[in-house]
């Protein structure tokens, strides 16, 4: 293999490595955003569940108080 072909091969390898590295960096950002989205989603579900449970307990307490009258 002559020097010109070696140099071309090294340049192509370098470009591929840079390309892969940039894609990995974008994937890491995408994955981090995805995890953050799931965390927000889980917090919304927990908040909603707490509100519904509070409503049910309040309604049951009110019904029990009305039954005692």
N, C-alpha and C. Protein backbone atom coordinates (compact mmCIF):
# COMPACT_ATOMS: atom_id res chain seq x y z
N UNK A 1 0.86 -1.18 0.00
CA UNK A 1 0.00 0.00 0.00
C UNK A 1 0.90 1.23 0.00
N UNK A 2 0.67 2.09 -0.93
CA UNK A 2 1.51 3.26 -1.02
C UNK A 2 1.06 4.34 -0.03
N UNK A 3 1.85 5.37 0.11
CA UNK A 3 1.59 6.41 1.11
C UNK A 3 0.29 7.16 0.85
N UNK A 4 -0.03 7.37 -0.41
CA UNK A 4 -1.25 8.11 -0.75
C UNK A 4 -2.49 7.34 -0.29
N UNK A 5 -2.50 6.04 -0.53
CA UNK A 5 -3.65 5.22 -0.11
C UNK A 5 -3.75 5.14 1.41
N UNK A 6 -2.60 5.07 2.07
CA UNK A 6 -2.59 5.05 3.54
C UNK A 6 -3.17 6.34 4.10
N UNK A 7 -2.76 7.45 3.51
CA UNK A 7 -3.25 8.75 3.97
C UNK A 7 -4.76 8.87 3.74
N UNK A 8 -5.24 8.45 2.58
CA UNK A 8 -6.68 8.49 2.29
C UNK A 8 -7.46 7.61 3.27
N UNK A 9 -6.90 6.44 3.56
CA UNK A 9 -7.55 5.53 4.50
C UNK A 9 -7.62 6.15 5.90
N UNK A 10 -6.55 6.78 6.33
CA UNK A 10 -6.54 7.44 7.65
C UNK A 10 -7.54 8.59 7.71
N UNK A 11 -7.63 9.33 6.62
CA UNK A 11 -8.59 10.45 6.58
C UNK A 11 -10.02 9.92 6.66
N UNK A 12 -10.32 8.87 5.91
CA UNK A 12 -11.67 8.29 5.96
C UNK A 12 -11.98 7.73 7.34
N UNK A 13 -10.99 7.07 7.95
CA UNK A 13 -11.21 6.53 9.30
C UNK A 13 -11.46 7.65 10.29
N UNK A 14 -10.69 8.72 10.17
CA UNK A 14 -10.85 9.87 11.06
C UNK A 14 -12.24 10.47 10.91
N UNK A 15 -12.72 10.61 9.68
CA UNK A 15 -14.06 11.15 9.45
C UNK A 15 -15.14 10.25 10.03
N UNK A 16 -14.96 8.95 9.89
CA UNK A 16 -15.93 8.00 10.45
C UNK A 16 -15.96 8.08 11.97
N UNK A 17 -14.78 8.16 12.57
CA UNK A 17 -14.71 8.24 14.03
C UNK A 17 -15.39 9.52 14.52
N UNK A 18 -15.12 10.64 13.86
CA UNK A 18 -15.78 11.90 14.23
C UNK A 18 -17.29 11.79 14.08
N UNK A 19 -17.73 11.18 13.00
CA UNK A 19 -19.16 11.01 12.75
C UNK A 19 -19.81 10.16 13.85
N UNK A 20 -19.17 9.06 14.20
CA UNK A 20 -19.71 8.18 15.25
C UNK A 20 -19.75 8.92 16.58
N UNK A 21 -18.68 9.64 16.90
CA UNK A 21 -18.63 10.39 18.16
C UNK A 21 -19.76 11.42 18.22
N UNK A 22 -19.97 12.16 17.14
CA UNK A 22 -21.04 13.16 17.11
C UNK A 22 -22.41 12.51 17.26
N UNK A 23 -22.61 11.37 16.64
CA UNK A 23 -23.89 10.67 16.78
C UNK A 23 -24.10 10.20 18.20
N UNK A 24 -23.05 9.72 18.84
CA UNK A 24 -23.17 9.26 20.23
C UNK A 24 -23.52 10.43 21.14
N UNK A 25 -22.94 11.59 20.87
CA UNK A 25 -23.22 12.77 21.68
C UNK A 25 -24.69 13.18 21.52
N UNK A 26 -25.18 13.15 20.29
CA UNK A 26 -26.59 13.47 20.05
C UNK A 26 -27.49 12.44 20.72
N UNK A 27 -27.11 11.16 20.67
CA UNK A 27 -27.92 10.12 21.30
C UNK A 27 -27.96 10.32 22.80
N UNK A 28 -26.82 10.69 23.39
CA UNK A 28 -26.79 10.92 24.83
C UNK A 28 -27.75 12.05 25.22
N UNK A 29 -27.76 13.12 24.45
CA UNK A 29 -28.67 14.24 24.71
C UNK A 29 -30.12 13.78 24.55
N UNK A 30 -30.39 13.04 23.50
CA UNK A 30 -31.74 12.53 23.26
C UNK A 30 -32.20 11.63 24.41
N UNK A 31 -31.31 10.74 24.86
CA UNK A 31 -31.65 9.81 25.94
C UNK A 31 -31.89 10.56 27.24
N UNK A 32 -31.06 11.56 27.53
CA UNK A 32 -31.24 12.36 28.75
C UNK A 32 -32.58 13.08 28.72
N UNK A 33 -32.93 13.67 27.58
CA UNK A 33 -34.22 14.35 27.45
C UNK A 33 -35.37 13.36 27.62
N UNK A 34 -35.20 12.15 27.09
CA UNK A 34 -36.23 11.13 27.20
C UNK A 34 -36.44 10.73 28.66
N UNK A 35 -35.36 10.54 29.40
CA UNK A 35 -35.47 10.20 30.83
C UNK A 35 -36.15 11.33 31.61
N UNK A 36 -35.80 12.56 31.27
CA UNK A 36 -36.42 13.70 31.94
C UNK A 36 -37.92 13.73 31.66
N UNK A 37 -38.30 13.43 30.42
CA UNK A 37 -39.71 13.37 30.06
C UNK A 37 -40.45 12.33 30.91
N UNK A 38 -39.84 11.15 31.09
CA UNK A 38 -40.48 10.11 31.90
C UNK A 38 -40.58 10.52 33.36
N UNK A 39 -39.58 11.21 33.86
CA UNK A 39 -39.61 11.67 35.25
C UNK A 39 -40.75 12.66 35.45
N UNK A 40 -40.92 13.58 34.53
CA UNK A 40 -42.03 14.55 34.62
C UNK A 40 -43.36 13.82 34.54
N UNK A 41 -43.46 12.85 33.64
CA UNK A 41 -44.69 12.07 33.47
C UNK A 41 -45.05 11.33 34.75
N UNK A 42 -44.05 10.69 35.38
CA UNK A 42 -44.30 9.96 36.63
C UNK A 42 -44.73 10.91 37.75
N UNK A 43 -44.12 12.08 37.82
CA UNK A 43 -44.51 13.06 38.85
C UNK A 43 -45.94 13.55 38.62
N UNK A 44 -46.33 13.74 37.37
CA UNK A 44 -47.71 14.15 37.07
C UNK A 44 -48.70 13.07 37.49
N UNK A 45 -48.36 11.80 37.26
CA UNK A 45 -49.24 10.70 37.65
C UNK A 45 -49.37 10.64 39.17
N UNK A 46 -48.25 10.79 39.88
CA UNK A 46 -48.29 10.77 41.34
C UNK A 46 -49.15 11.90 41.88
N UNK A 47 -48.98 13.10 41.33
CA UNK A 47 -49.76 14.25 41.78
C UNK A 47 -51.25 14.02 41.52
N UNK A 48 -51.56 13.52 40.34
CA UNK A 48 -52.95 13.25 39.99
C UNK A 48 -53.56 12.19 40.92
N UNK A 49 -52.78 11.15 41.19
CA UNK A 49 -53.26 10.09 42.08
C UNK A 49 -53.51 10.64 43.48
N UNK A 50 -52.62 11.47 44.00
CA UNK A 50 -52.80 12.05 45.32
C UNK A 50 -54.07 12.90 45.38
N UNK A 51 -54.31 13.67 44.32
CA UNK A 51 -55.51 14.51 44.30
C UNK A 51 -56.79 13.67 44.27
N UNK A 52 -56.79 12.60 43.44
CA UNK A 52 -57.97 11.74 43.39
C UNK A 52 -58.19 11.02 44.72
N UNK A 53 -57.13 10.57 45.35
CA UNK A 53 -57.28 9.91 46.66
C UNK A 53 -57.81 10.89 47.70
N UNK A 54 -57.31 12.12 47.68
CA UNK A 54 -57.82 13.13 48.61
C UNK A 54 -59.30 13.39 48.37
N UNK A 55 -59.70 13.44 47.11
CA UNK A 55 -61.10 13.65 46.77
C UNK A 55 -61.97 12.50 47.27
N UNK A 56 -61.51 11.27 47.07
CA UNK A 56 -62.28 10.09 47.50
C UNK A 56 -62.39 10.05 49.01
N UNK A 57 -61.31 10.33 49.71
CA UNK A 57 -61.34 10.32 51.18
C UNK A 57 -62.27 11.42 51.69
N UNK A 58 -62.22 12.58 51.07
CA UNK A 58 -63.10 13.68 51.48
C UNK A 58 -64.57 13.31 51.24
N UNK A 59 -64.84 12.75 50.08
CA UNK A 59 -66.22 12.35 49.75
C UNK A 59 -66.70 11.27 50.71
N UNK A 60 -65.86 10.29 51.00
CA UNK A 60 -66.26 9.21 51.92
C UNK A 60 -66.47 9.77 53.32
N UNK A 61 -65.63 10.68 53.74
CA UNK A 61 -65.81 11.30 55.07
C UNK A 61 -67.09 12.10 55.12
N UNK A 62 -67.37 12.82 54.05
CA UNK A 62 -68.62 13.61 54.01
C UNK A 62 -69.84 12.71 54.01
N UNK A 63 -69.77 11.60 53.28
CA UNK A 63 -70.90 10.66 53.26
C UNK A 63 -71.07 10.01 54.62
N UNK A 64 -69.97 9.70 55.28
CA UNK A 64 -70.05 9.10 56.62
C UNK A 64 -70.64 10.07 57.63
N UNK A 65 -70.26 11.35 57.52
CA UNK A 65 -70.79 12.37 58.43
C UNK A 65 -72.27 12.58 58.18
N UNK A 66 -72.69 12.52 56.92
CA UNK A 66 -74.12 12.69 56.61
C UNK A 66 -74.91 11.50 57.14
N UNK A 67 -74.29 10.32 57.11
CA UNK A 67 -74.97 9.12 57.61
C UNK A 67 -75.12 9.12 59.11
N UNK A 68 -74.27 9.82 59.80
CA UNK A 68 -74.32 9.84 61.27
C UNK A 68 -75.35 10.84 61.78
N UNK A 69 -75.83 11.68 60.90
CA UNK A 69 -76.80 12.70 61.37
C UNK A 69 -78.15 12.09 61.57
